[in-house]
Amino acid sequence: MADYRVAHEHRRSHQPALTEAIKAHCEALPSPEAAEAFGRFFARFGDAKVVLLGEATHGTAEFYEARAAITRQLVRHHGFNIVAVEADWPDASHIDRYVRHHAARQGRGPAFSRFPVWMWRNEQLLAFADWLRAHNETLPPGARASFNGLDVYSLGESIHAVLNYLEKVDPDAARMARHRYGCLTPWQEEPAEYGRAVLHRAIDPCEDEAVAQLRELLARRLDYIRADGEAWFDAAQNARIVKAAEQYYRIMYRGSVDSWNLRDRHMFDTLQSLLDARGPEARAVVWAHNSHIGNAAATSMGWHGEFNIGELCRKAFGGDAVAIGFGTDRGRVAAASDWGGPMEFKEIIPARTDSYEFAFRKTGISRSLTDWRGADKSALAEALREPMLERAIGVIYRPETEFLSHYFEAVLADQFDAYVWFEETGPVDPLPAVRPQGAADTYPFGL
């Protein structure tokens, strides 16, 4: 307790100097609803290979609007052609097919129907998808920007996608794949139960079967891509997800570090695959939570053994990867109280006085971009190198235990390259479960 008090008082004593350093260098931003004006502030990042855009919550409208405005700038004016998000690959493929004017593909069920549905099924994302579709319309197919999911949770949908692909191109291979995946299919709806059954030795693991199916699909690559290289790439990615998901659900009970690292490694590998597939000129914008896109080595996550996409991108791309964090002080957020619970609009408690968020609030600037790259920003970077608390709200928000549930220690200058600040924010607008009249068959969410 004494150590905590000492750290708390030290962080508070640093606040005035930190606030002054931020205020001296930050740039006031217009509303992200003015997408062109907002996006122009981020043209400075246009020479990167990968730009990672964070969020401090999974349910804040301003974060989605800001990421959309920044991405519009990077896609339209700087040649970025991949938008990769913290979502399941099969779900995101519905949006990808919509924005690239491809025919719809039937899945096992509606897209983005897994908790938390509001994270991607919302008005803010739909507006961006409509913009990306319009942008792509005048471009040749090979130049159109894609929208791809990076995550690992889609066991059932990915099995379905692999089998569906093989049924069309190689029925004999499809029969073998169905046999291999038969080990996993009973667990498609509740894959966590598969992990529990393996843990308690009630069943043998299905790892060998998942690996064998991926290897065969990769071995037949030259045969399959002659007919449709993009369809093969999609099937191969889904086979990689089946392999990763099998392992994820099997190790999730060992501890959070192993499962976190497997998930972020998979997301990074998926990003690499997308960049490789689009060729040497490929450039990607990543949308994910701050905890994924910031350098984990500069946070208590990394100090406890976790890594993330941001850290892996720094190692792979060096200065060609730029990570931009997002933060807020107060307002409302779309979140649940427990995993699998209903979405609520919850009040965000104003930030603690020993946090980075408090320092940004004390600047008195309601929206800002703070960029500490470059030699002329060394004083700012030094001030941001003092460890402080930082808040992370995911799909669950528990204000009654906020300090224990949502704060961690970080070094902001090493975690991100820049930071977007909104003093007060509101929740995303969830979409109704009805497709608008006259909408295309490939309408993004398969409604």
Protein backbone atom coordinates (compact mmCIF):
# COMPACT_ATOMS: atom_id res chain seq x y z
CA MET A 1 0.00 0.00 0.00
CA ALA A 2 2.87 2.36 0.82
CA ASP A 3 4.46 1.70 -2.60
CA TYR A 4 1.13 2.48 -4.28
CA ARG A 5 0.82 5.79 -2.43
CA VAL A 6 4.37 6.78 -3.39
CA ALA A 7 3.73 5.96 -7.06
CA HIS A 8 0.38 7.78 -6.99
CA GLU A 9 1.89 10.96 -5.52
CA HIS A 10 4.83 10.84 -7.93
CA ARG A 11 2.50 10.60 -10.92
CA ARG A 12 0.33 13.44 -9.62
CA SER A 13 3.39 15.65 -9.06
CA HIS A 14 4.37 15.17 -12.71
CA GLN A 15 0.95 16.24 -14.02
CA PRO A 16 1.48 20.05 -14.29
CA ALA A 17 4.67 19.70 -16.34
CA LEU A 18 3.09 17.00 -18.50
CA THR A 19 0.00 19.10 -19.17
CA GLU A 20 2.13 22.11 -20.16
CA ALA A 21 4.24 20.01 -22.54
CA ILE A 22 1.13 18.59 -24.22
CA LYS A 23 -0.55 21.99 -24.46
CA ALA A 24 2.54 23.51 -26.07
CA HIS A 25 2.64 20.91 -28.87
CA CYS A 26 -0.86 19.54 -29.46
CA GLU A 27 -2.95 20.67 -32.43
CA ALA A 28 -6.66 21.40 -32.07
CA LEU A 29 -8.78 19.21 -34.34
CA PRO A 30 -12.12 19.89 -36.04
CA SER A 31 -14.98 17.46 -35.51
CA PRO A 32 -14.40 14.11 -37.25
CA GLU A 33 -17.81 14.59 -38.86
CA ALA A 34 -15.97 17.13 -41.05
CA ALA A 35 -14.06 14.18 -42.50
CA GLU A 36 -11.96 16.01 -45.08
CA ALA A 37 -10.79 18.72 -42.69
CA PHE A 38 -10.14 16.21 -39.91
CA GLY A 39 -8.30 13.80 -42.20
CA ARG A 40 -5.90 16.44 -43.54
CA PHE A 41 -4.18 16.62 -40.14
CA PHE A 42 -3.08 13.01 -40.67
CA ALA A 43 -1.54 13.40 -44.14
CA ARG A 44 1.83 13.52 -42.33
CA PHE A 45 1.53 9.76 -41.75
CA GLY A 46 0.92 9.02 -45.43
CA ASP A 47 4.43 7.73 -46.16
CA ALA A 48 4.15 4.81 -43.72
CA LYS A 49 3.68 1.18 -44.72
CA VAL A 50 1.26 0.45 -41.87
CA VAL A 51 -0.75 2.97 -39.85
CA LEU A 52 -2.34 1.50 -36.74
CA LEU A 53 -5.34 3.40 -35.38
CA GLY A 54 -6.44 2.61 -31.85
CA GLU A 55 -9.41 3.24 -29.60
CA ALA A 56 -9.67 3.50 -25.83
CA THR A 57 -13.08 1.76 -25.86
CA HIS A 58 -14.89 -0.61 -28.19
CA GLY A 59 -18.07 1.47 -28.18
CA THR A 60 -17.30 5.18 -28.79
CA ALA A 61 -18.73 6.92 -31.86
CA GLU A 62 -15.99 9.54 -32.11
CA PHE A 63 -13.27 6.90 -32.33
CA TYR A 64 -14.98 5.20 -35.27
CA GLU A 65 -15.65 8.51 -37.00
CA ALA A 66 -12.06 9.65 -36.49
CA ARG A 67 -10.59 6.40 -37.77
CA ALA A 68 -12.89 6.59 -40.79
CA ALA A 69 -11.81 10.16 -41.57
CA ILE A 70 -8.10 9.29 -41.20
CA THR A 71 -8.50 6.18 -43.33
CA ARG A 72 -10.30 8.14 -46.04
CA GLN A 73 -7.32 10.48 -46.21
CA LEU A 74 -4.83 7.60 -46.41
CA VAL A 75 -6.80 5.60 -48.98
CA ARG A 76 -7.76 8.50 -51.24
CA HIS A 77 -4.52 10.48 -51.20
CA HIS A 78 -1.69 8.15 -50.13
CA GLY A 79 -2.33 4.80 -51.80
CA PHE A 80 -3.38 2.69 -48.82
CA ASN A 81 -5.29 -0.33 -50.13
CA ILE A 82 -5.97 -2.52 -47.08
CA VAL A 83 -8.20 -1.76 -44.11
CA ALA A 84 -7.61 -4.51 -41.52
CA VAL A 85 -9.74 -4.54 -38.39
CA GLU A 86 -10.10 -6.36 -35.07
CA ALA A 87 -12.95 -8.51 -36.37
CA ASP A 88 -13.46 -12.06 -37.59
CA TRP A 89 -12.33 -12.74 -41.15
CA PRO A 90 -15.61 -14.32 -42.40
CA ASP A 91 -17.72 -11.49 -40.95
CA ALA A 92 -15.47 -8.80 -42.40
CA SER A 93 -15.58 -10.56 -45.78
CA HIS A 94 -19.26 -9.54 -46.08
CA ILE A 95 -18.15 -5.91 -45.92
CA ASP A 96 -15.16 -6.60 -48.17
CA ARG A 97 -17.38 -8.05 -50.87
CA TYR A 98 -19.70 -5.06 -50.55
CA VAL A 99 -17.00 -2.40 -50.78
CA ARG A 100 -15.19 -4.12 -53.66
CA HIS A 101 -18.42 -4.78 -55.61
CA HIS A 102 -18.15 -8.56 -55.46
CA ALA A 103 -21.06 -11.00 -55.36
CA ALA A 104 -22.43 -11.92 -51.95
CA ARG A 105 -21.39 -15.19 -50.32
CA GLN A 106 -23.63 -17.28 -48.09
CA GLY A 107 -22.34 -17.92 -44.58
CA ARG A 108 -23.64 -20.13 -41.80
CA GLY A 109 -25.51 -17.19 -40.31
CA PRO A 110 -25.74 -13.38 -40.24
CA ALA A 111 -22.46 -11.47 -40.10
CA PHE A 112 -21.38 -9.92 -36.82
CA SER A 113 -23.92 -11.86 -34.80
CA ARG A 114 -21.42 -12.94 -32.12
CA PHE A 115 -21.09 -10.87 -28.94
CA PRO A 116 -20.40 -7.93 -29.01
CA VAL A 117 -22.59 -7.19 -32.02
CA TRP A 118 -22.43 -3.40 -31.62
CA MET A 119 -18.65 -3.34 -32.05
CA TRP A 120 -18.94 -3.55 -35.85
CA ARG A 121 -22.66 -3.58 -36.55
CA ASN A 122 -23.12 0.17 -36.10
CA GLU A 123 -24.01 3.29 -38.08
CA GLN A 124 -20.49 4.68 -37.93
CA LEU A 125 -18.93 1.65 -39.64
CA LEU A 126 -21.74 1.46 -42.18
CA ALA A 127 -21.11 5.07 -43.22
CA PHE A 128 -17.44 4.25 -43.78
CA ALA A 129 -18.31 1.10 -45.75
CA ASP A 130 -20.60 3.12 -48.00
CA TRP A 131 -17.81 5.64 -48.59
CA LEU A 132 -15.28 2.90 -49.39
CA ARG A 133 -17.71 1.26 -51.82
CA ALA A 134 -18.21 4.58 -53.64
CA HIS A 135 -14.45 5.22 -53.68
CA ASN A 136 -13.73 1.78 -55.15
CA GLU A 137 -16.42 2.00 -57.82
CA THR A 138 -14.30 4.03 -60.26
CA LEU A 139 -11.15 1.93 -59.76
CA PRO A 140 -10.10 -1.24 -61.59
CA PRO A 141 -10.70 -4.37 -59.48
CA GLY A 142 -7.05 -4.92 -58.63
CA ALA A 143 -6.67 -1.37 -57.27
CA ARG A 144 -9.69 -1.41 -54.95
CA ALA A 145 -9.14 -1.11 -51.20
CA SER A 146 -10.15 -4.19 -49.23
CA PHE A 147 -11.75 -4.54 -45.80
CA ASN A 148 -10.42 -7.52 -43.85
CA GLY A 149 -10.78 -9.09 -40.42
CA LEU A 150 -7.76 -10.09 -38.36
CA ASP A 151 -9.26 -12.04 -35.48
CA VAL A 152 -9.28 -15.69 -34.50
CA TYR A 153 -12.72 -16.47 -33.07
CA SER A 154 -14.59 -17.70 -36.18
CA LEU A 155 -14.10 -21.46 -35.81
CA GLY A 156 -17.50 -22.51 -37.18
CA GLU A 157 -17.71 -19.93 -39.96
CA SER A 158 -14.16 -20.66 -41.08
CA ILE A 159 -14.79 -24.42 -41.23
CA HIS A 160 -17.89 -23.70 -43.31
CA ALA A 161 -15.91 -21.43 -45.66
CA VAL A 162 -13.17 -24.02 -46.28
CA LEU A 163 -15.68 -26.78 -46.98
CA ASN A 164 -17.78 -24.55 -49.21
CA TYR A 165 -14.71 -23.61 -51.26
CA LEU A 166 -13.53 -27.19 -51.67
CA GLU A 167 -17.00 -28.42 -52.63
CA LYS A 168 -16.78 -26.10 -55.64
CA VAL A 169 -13.20 -26.76 -56.75
CA ASP A 170 -12.38 -30.30 -55.52
CA PRO A 171 -15.22 -32.47 -54.14
CA ASP A 172 -12.86 -35.31 -53.20
CA ALA A 173 -10.72 -32.90 -51.14
CA ALA A 174 -13.92 -31.55 -49.60
CA ARG A 175 -14.86 -35.04 -48.36
CA MET A 176 -11.45 -35.44 -46.74
CA ALA A 177 -11.68 -31.96 -45.19
CA ARG A 178 -15.12 -32.76 -43.81
CA HIS A 179 -13.67 -35.90 -42.24
CA ARG A 180 -10.76 -34.00 -40.68
CA TYR A 181 -12.93 -31.17 -39.38
CA GLY A 182 -15.38 -33.72 -37.98
CA CYS A 183 -13.29 -33.68 -34.82
CA LEU A 184 -14.14 -29.99 -34.33
CA THR A 185 -17.61 -29.61 -35.80
CA PRO A 186 -19.48 -30.73 -32.64
CA TRP A 187 -17.91 -27.73 -30.89
CA GLN A 188 -18.57 -25.05 -33.51
CA GLU A 189 -21.25 -23.25 -31.54
CA GLU A 190 -19.41 -23.36 -28.19
CA PRO A 191 -15.70 -23.63 -28.97
CA ALA A 192 -14.73 -22.73 -25.40
CA GLU A 193 -16.34 -26.03 -24.37
CA TYR A 194 -13.91 -27.80 -26.70
CA GLY A 195 -11.03 -26.27 -24.78
CA ARG A 196 -12.55 -27.31 -21.47
CA ALA A 197 -13.11 -30.88 -22.70
CA VAL A 198 -9.47 -31.18 -23.83
CA LEU A 199 -8.27 -29.67 -20.54
CA HIS A 200 -10.16 -32.30 -18.55
CA ARG A 201 -9.02 -35.05 -20.95
CA ALA A 202 -12.60 -35.84 -21.93
CA ILE A 203 -11.54 -35.78 -25.61
CA ASP A 204 -8.28 -35.82 -27.55
CA PRO A 205 -7.20 -32.52 -29.14
CA CYS A 206 -7.98 -31.92 -32.82
CA GLU A 207 -4.71 -30.13 -33.59
CA ASP A 208 -3.29 -32.72 -35.99
CA GLU A 209 -6.43 -32.69 -38.13
CA ALA A 210 -6.53 -28.89 -38.36
CA VAL A 211 -2.83 -28.73 -39.25
CA ALA A 212 -3.16 -31.48 -41.86
CA GLN A 213 -6.03 -29.69 -43.59
CA LEU A 214 -4.13 -26.42 -43.77
CA ARG A 215 -1.03 -28.17 -45.12
CA GLU A 216 -3.00 -29.90 -47.86
CA LEU A 217 -4.68 -26.66 -48.92
CA LEU A 218 -1.29 -24.96 -49.11
CA ALA A 219 0.26 -27.91 -50.96
CA ARG A 220 -2.49 -27.74 -53.64
CA ARG A 221 -2.01 -23.99 -54.02
CA LEU A 222 -0.73 -24.04 -57.61
CA ASP A 223 -3.63 -26.24 -58.73
CA TYR A 224 -6.28 -24.12 -57.04
CA ILE A 225 -5.11 -20.59 -57.81
CA ARG A 226 -5.31 -21.20 -61.55
CA ALA A 227 -9.09 -21.08 -61.27
CA ASP A 228 -9.40 -18.20 -58.75
CA GLY A 229 -6.44 -17.01 -56.71
CA GLU A 230 -8.49 -14.74 -54.49
CA ALA A 231 -10.95 -17.52 -53.59
CA TRP A 232 -8.01 -19.78 -52.72
CA PHE A 233 -6.47 -17.06 -50.54
CA ASP A 234 -9.76 -16.68 -48.65
CA ALA A 235 -10.03 -20.45 -48.12
CA ALA A 236 -6.41 -20.69 -46.99
CA GLN A 237 -6.91 -17.87 -44.53
CA ASN A 238 -9.97 -19.60 -43.11
CA ALA A 239 -7.96 -22.82 -42.77
CA ARG A 240 -5.31 -20.86 -40.85
CA ILE A 241 -8.05 -19.53 -38.58
CA VAL A 242 -9.34 -23.06 -37.87
CA LYS A 243 -5.81 -24.08 -36.89
CA ALA A 244 -5.29 -20.98 -34.73
CA ALA A 245 -8.77 -21.15 -33.17
CA GLU A 246 -8.30 -24.80 -32.23
CA GLN A 247 -5.10 -23.87 -30.43
CA TYR A 248 -6.57 -20.70 -28.91
CA TYR A 249 -9.54 -22.42 -27.30
CA ARG A 250 -7.30 -25.26 -26.13
CA ILE A 251 -4.82 -23.00 -24.33
CA MET A 252 -7.19 -20.29 -23.09
CA TYR A 253 -7.54 -22.05 -19.74
CA ARG A 254 -3.78 -22.10 -19.15
CA GLY A 255 -3.65 -18.36 -18.59
CA SER A 256 -4.27 -15.03 -20.25
CA VAL A 257 -0.70 -14.47 -21.46
CA ASP A 258 -0.56 -17.54 -23.72
CA SER A 259 -3.97 -16.97 -25.28
CA TRP A 260 -3.40 -13.21 -25.71
CA ASN A 261 -0.06 -13.79 -27.44
CA LEU A 262 -1.47 -16.46 -29.74
CA ARG A 263 -4.33 -14.17 -30.76
CA ASP A 264 -2.13 -11.16 -31.47
CA ARG A 265 0.44 -13.28 -33.29
CA HIS A 266 -2.37 -14.59 -35.50
CA MET A 267 -3.64 -11.06 -36.18
CA PHE A 268 -0.15 -9.89 -37.09
CA ASP A 269 0.42 -12.92 -39.35
CA THR A 270 -2.89 -12.19 -41.08
CA LEU A 271 -1.80 -8.60 -41.68
CA GLN A 272 1.48 -9.84 -43.13
CA SER A 273 -0.39 -12.25 -45.43
CA LEU A 274 -2.59 -9.43 -46.68
CA LEU A 275 0.40 -7.21 -47.41
CA ASP A 276 2.23 -10.02 -49.18
CA ALA A 277 -0.82 -10.88 -51.29
CA ARG A 278 -1.23 -7.28 -52.49
CA GLY A 279 2.41 -6.97 -53.50
CA PRO A 280 5.30 -4.63 -52.65
CA GLU A 281 3.21 -1.47 -52.96
CA ALA A 282 0.61 -2.67 -50.43
CA ARG A 283 -0.11 -0.38 -47.49
CA ALA A 284 -2.48 -1.05 -44.62
CA VAL A 285 -4.55 0.82 -42.06
CA VAL A 286 -5.29 -1.23 -38.93
CA TRP A 287 -8.26 -0.55 -36.64
CA ALA A 288 -7.99 -2.19 -33.21
CA HIS A 289 -8.03 -1.34 -29.53
CA ASN A 290 -5.16 0.69 -28.06
CA SER A 291 -4.12 -2.45 -26.16
CA HIS A 292 -3.45 -4.17 -29.51
CA ILE A 293 -1.94 -1.42 -31.65
CA GLY A 294 0.28 0.33 -29.12
CA ASN A 295 3.70 -1.13 -28.34
CA ALA A 296 3.00 -3.64 -25.54
CA ALA A 297 6.64 -3.47 -24.44
CA ALA A 298 5.92 0.06 -23.15
CA THR A 299 3.06 -1.07 -20.89
CA SER A 300 2.48 -3.28 -17.88
CA MET A 301 1.06 -5.83 -20.35
CA GLY A 302 4.47 -6.27 -21.89
CA TRP A 303 6.21 -6.19 -18.51
CA HIS A 304 4.14 -9.28 -17.64
CA GLY A 305 5.02 -11.17 -20.82
CA GLU A 306 2.36 -10.13 -23.36
CA PHE A 307 3.10 -8.80 -26.84
CA ASN A 308 0.74 -7.39 -29.45
CA ILE A 309 0.29 -6.33 -33.08
CA GLY A 310 1.85 -2.93 -32.42
CA GLU A 311 5.04 -4.39 -30.97
CA LEU A 312 5.32 -6.95 -33.77
CA CYS A 313 4.80 -4.23 -36.39
CA ARG A 314 7.57 -2.13 -34.84
CA LYS A 315 9.94 -5.08 -35.06
CA ALA A 316 8.92 -5.95 -38.63
CA PHE A 317 8.56 -2.50 -40.19
CA GLY A 318 10.52 -0.16 -37.93
CA GLY A 319 9.74 3.47 -38.73
CA ASP A 320 7.41 2.42 -41.55
CA ALA A 321 4.82 1.48 -38.90
CA VAL A 322 3.02 4.31 -37.09
CA ALA A 323 0.78 3.72 -34.07
CA ILE A 324 -1.78 6.36 -33.11
CA GLY A 325 -3.54 5.98 -29.76
CA PHE A 326 -6.94 7.44 -28.84
CA GLY A 327 -8.26 8.66 -25.51
CA THR A 328 -11.23 10.26 -23.77
CA ASP A 329 -12.04 11.68 -20.37
CA ARG A 330 -15.77 11.24 -19.94
CA GLY A 331 -19.13 10.80 -21.66
CA ARG A 332 -21.05 7.65 -22.49
CA VAL A 333 -20.01 4.37 -24.07
CA ALA A 334 -21.73 1.32 -25.52
CA ALA A 335 -20.58 -1.61 -23.39
CA ALA A 336 -21.82 -4.60 -21.41
CA SER A 337 -21.47 -5.30 -17.70
CA ASP A 338 -20.49 -8.95 -18.26
CA TRP A 339 -19.29 -11.09 -21.13
CA GLY A 340 -22.26 -12.05 -23.26
CA GLY A 341 -24.50 -9.51 -21.55
CA PRO A 342 -26.76 -6.94 -23.22
CA MET A 343 -25.36 -3.70 -24.58
CA GLU A 344 -25.88 -0.70 -22.30
CA PHE A 345 -25.15 3.01 -22.65
CA LYS A 346 -22.91 3.57 -19.64
CA GLU A 347 -21.49 6.76 -18.14
CA ILE A 348 -17.70 7.01 -18.28
CA ILE A 349 -16.19 8.28 -15.04
CA PRO A 350 -13.83 11.27 -15.48
CA ALA A 351 -10.20 10.16 -15.61
CA ARG A 352 -8.07 9.68 -12.50
CA THR A 353 -5.74 12.51 -11.51
CA ASP A 354 -2.66 10.28 -11.92
CA SER A 355 -3.45 9.30 -15.51
CA TYR A 356 -2.39 10.48 -18.96
CA GLU A 357 -6.04 11.21 -19.70
CA PHE A 358 -6.17 13.74 -16.85
CA ALA A 359 -3.16 15.58 -18.30
CA PHE A 360 -4.88 15.87 -21.69
CA ARG A 361 -8.09 17.04 -20.03
CA LYS A 362 -6.23 19.78 -18.15
CA THR A 363 -4.99 21.27 -21.43
CA GLY A 364 -8.52 22.61 -21.93
CA ILE A 365 -8.47 21.57 -25.60
CA SER A 366 -11.48 19.41 -26.35
CA ARG A 367 -10.11 17.64 -29.46
CA SER A 368 -6.45 17.38 -30.35
CA LEU A 369 -3.68 15.54 -32.17
CA THR A 370 -0.37 15.25 -30.31
CA ASP A 371 2.54 14.02 -32.44
CA TRP A 372 5.91 13.59 -30.70
CA ARG A 373 7.98 12.30 -33.61
CA GLY A 374 11.01 14.33 -34.63
CA ALA A 375 13.92 16.03 -32.90
CA ASP A 376 11.95 19.23 -32.28
CA LYS A 377 9.52 17.24 -30.09
CA SER A 378 12.17 15.79 -27.77
CA ALA A 379 10.96 17.76 -24.72
CA LEU A 380 7.40 16.55 -25.27
CA ALA A 381 8.55 12.96 -25.75
CA GLU A 382 10.59 13.17 -22.56
CA ALA A 383 7.58 14.41 -20.59
CA LEU A 384 5.47 11.56 -22.02
CA ARG A 385 8.13 9.05 -21.04
CA GLU A 386 7.22 9.33 -17.36
CA PRO A 387 5.16 6.21 -16.48
CA MET A 388 1.51 7.10 -15.78
CA LEU A 389 -1.80 5.29 -15.60
CA GLU A 390 -3.82 4.78 -18.77
CA ARG A 391 -7.42 3.63 -19.12
CA ALA A 392 -8.67 0.82 -21.36
CA ILE A 393 -12.37 0.03 -21.76
CA GLY A 394 -13.18 -2.96 -23.94
CA VAL A 395 -16.60 -4.47 -24.61
CA ILE A 396 -17.13 -4.65 -20.84
CA TYR A 397 -17.11 -1.57 -18.62
CA ARG A 398 -17.31 -1.82 -14.84
CA PRO A 399 -17.16 1.69 -13.40
CA GLU A 400 -17.70 0.37 -9.88
CA THR A 401 -14.27 -1.32 -10.05
CA GLU A 402 -12.73 0.98 -12.63
CA PHE A 403 -9.24 1.29 -11.12
CA LEU A 404 -8.72 -2.48 -10.88
CA SER A 405 -10.63 -3.36 -14.05
CA HIS A 406 -9.58 -0.67 -16.51
CA TYR A 407 -6.31 1.07 -15.58
CA PHE A 408 -2.75 -0.04 -16.27
CA GLU A 409 0.64 1.62 -16.23
CA ALA A 410 2.27 2.73 -19.49
CA VAL A 411 4.92 4.94 -21.04
CA LEU A 412 2.95 6.82 -23.69
CA ALA A 413 5.94 8.11 -25.67
CA ASP A 414 7.10 4.54 -26.32
CA GLN A 415 3.64 3.02 -26.64
CA PHE A 416 2.43 5.25 -29.51
CA ASP A 417 3.84 7.71 -32.04
CA ALA A 418 0.91 10.11 -31.69
CA TYR A 419 -2.34 10.48 -29.75
CA VAL A 420 -5.84 11.66 -30.64
CA TRP A 421 -7.79 13.19 -27.77
CA PHE A 422 -11.53 13.71 -27.28
CA GLU A 423 -12.46 15.26 -23.95
CA GLU A 424 -16.07 14.06 -24.09
CA THR A 425 -17.46 11.24 -26.22
CA GLY A 426 -20.69 9.39 -26.95
CA PRO A 427 -21.68 5.81 -27.81
CA VAL A 428 -21.83 4.18 -31.22
CA ASP A 429 -25.26 3.89 -32.85
CA PRO A 430 -26.17 0.18 -33.16
CA LEU A 431 -27.77 -0.86 -36.43
CA PRO A 432 -31.29 -2.29 -36.54
CA ALA A 433 -31.50 -5.91 -37.62
CA VAL A 434 -33.34 -5.05 -40.86
CA ARG A 435 -31.80 -4.45 -44.27
CA PRO A 436 -32.88 -1.07 -45.69
CA GLN A 437 -35.26 -1.22 -48.63
CA GLY A 438 -33.38 -1.25 -51.93
CA ALA A 439 -30.01 -2.09 -50.40
CA ALA A 440 -27.63 -4.25 -52.43
CA ASP A 441 -27.55 -8.02 -51.88
CA THR A 442 -24.01 -7.53 -50.64
CA TYR A 443 -25.13 -4.99 -48.05
CA PRO A 444 -22.26 -5.08 -45.54
CA PHE A 445 -23.76 -6.92 -42.64
CA GLY A 446 -25.71 -9.54 -44.54
CA LEU A 447 -28.94 -8.35 -42.95
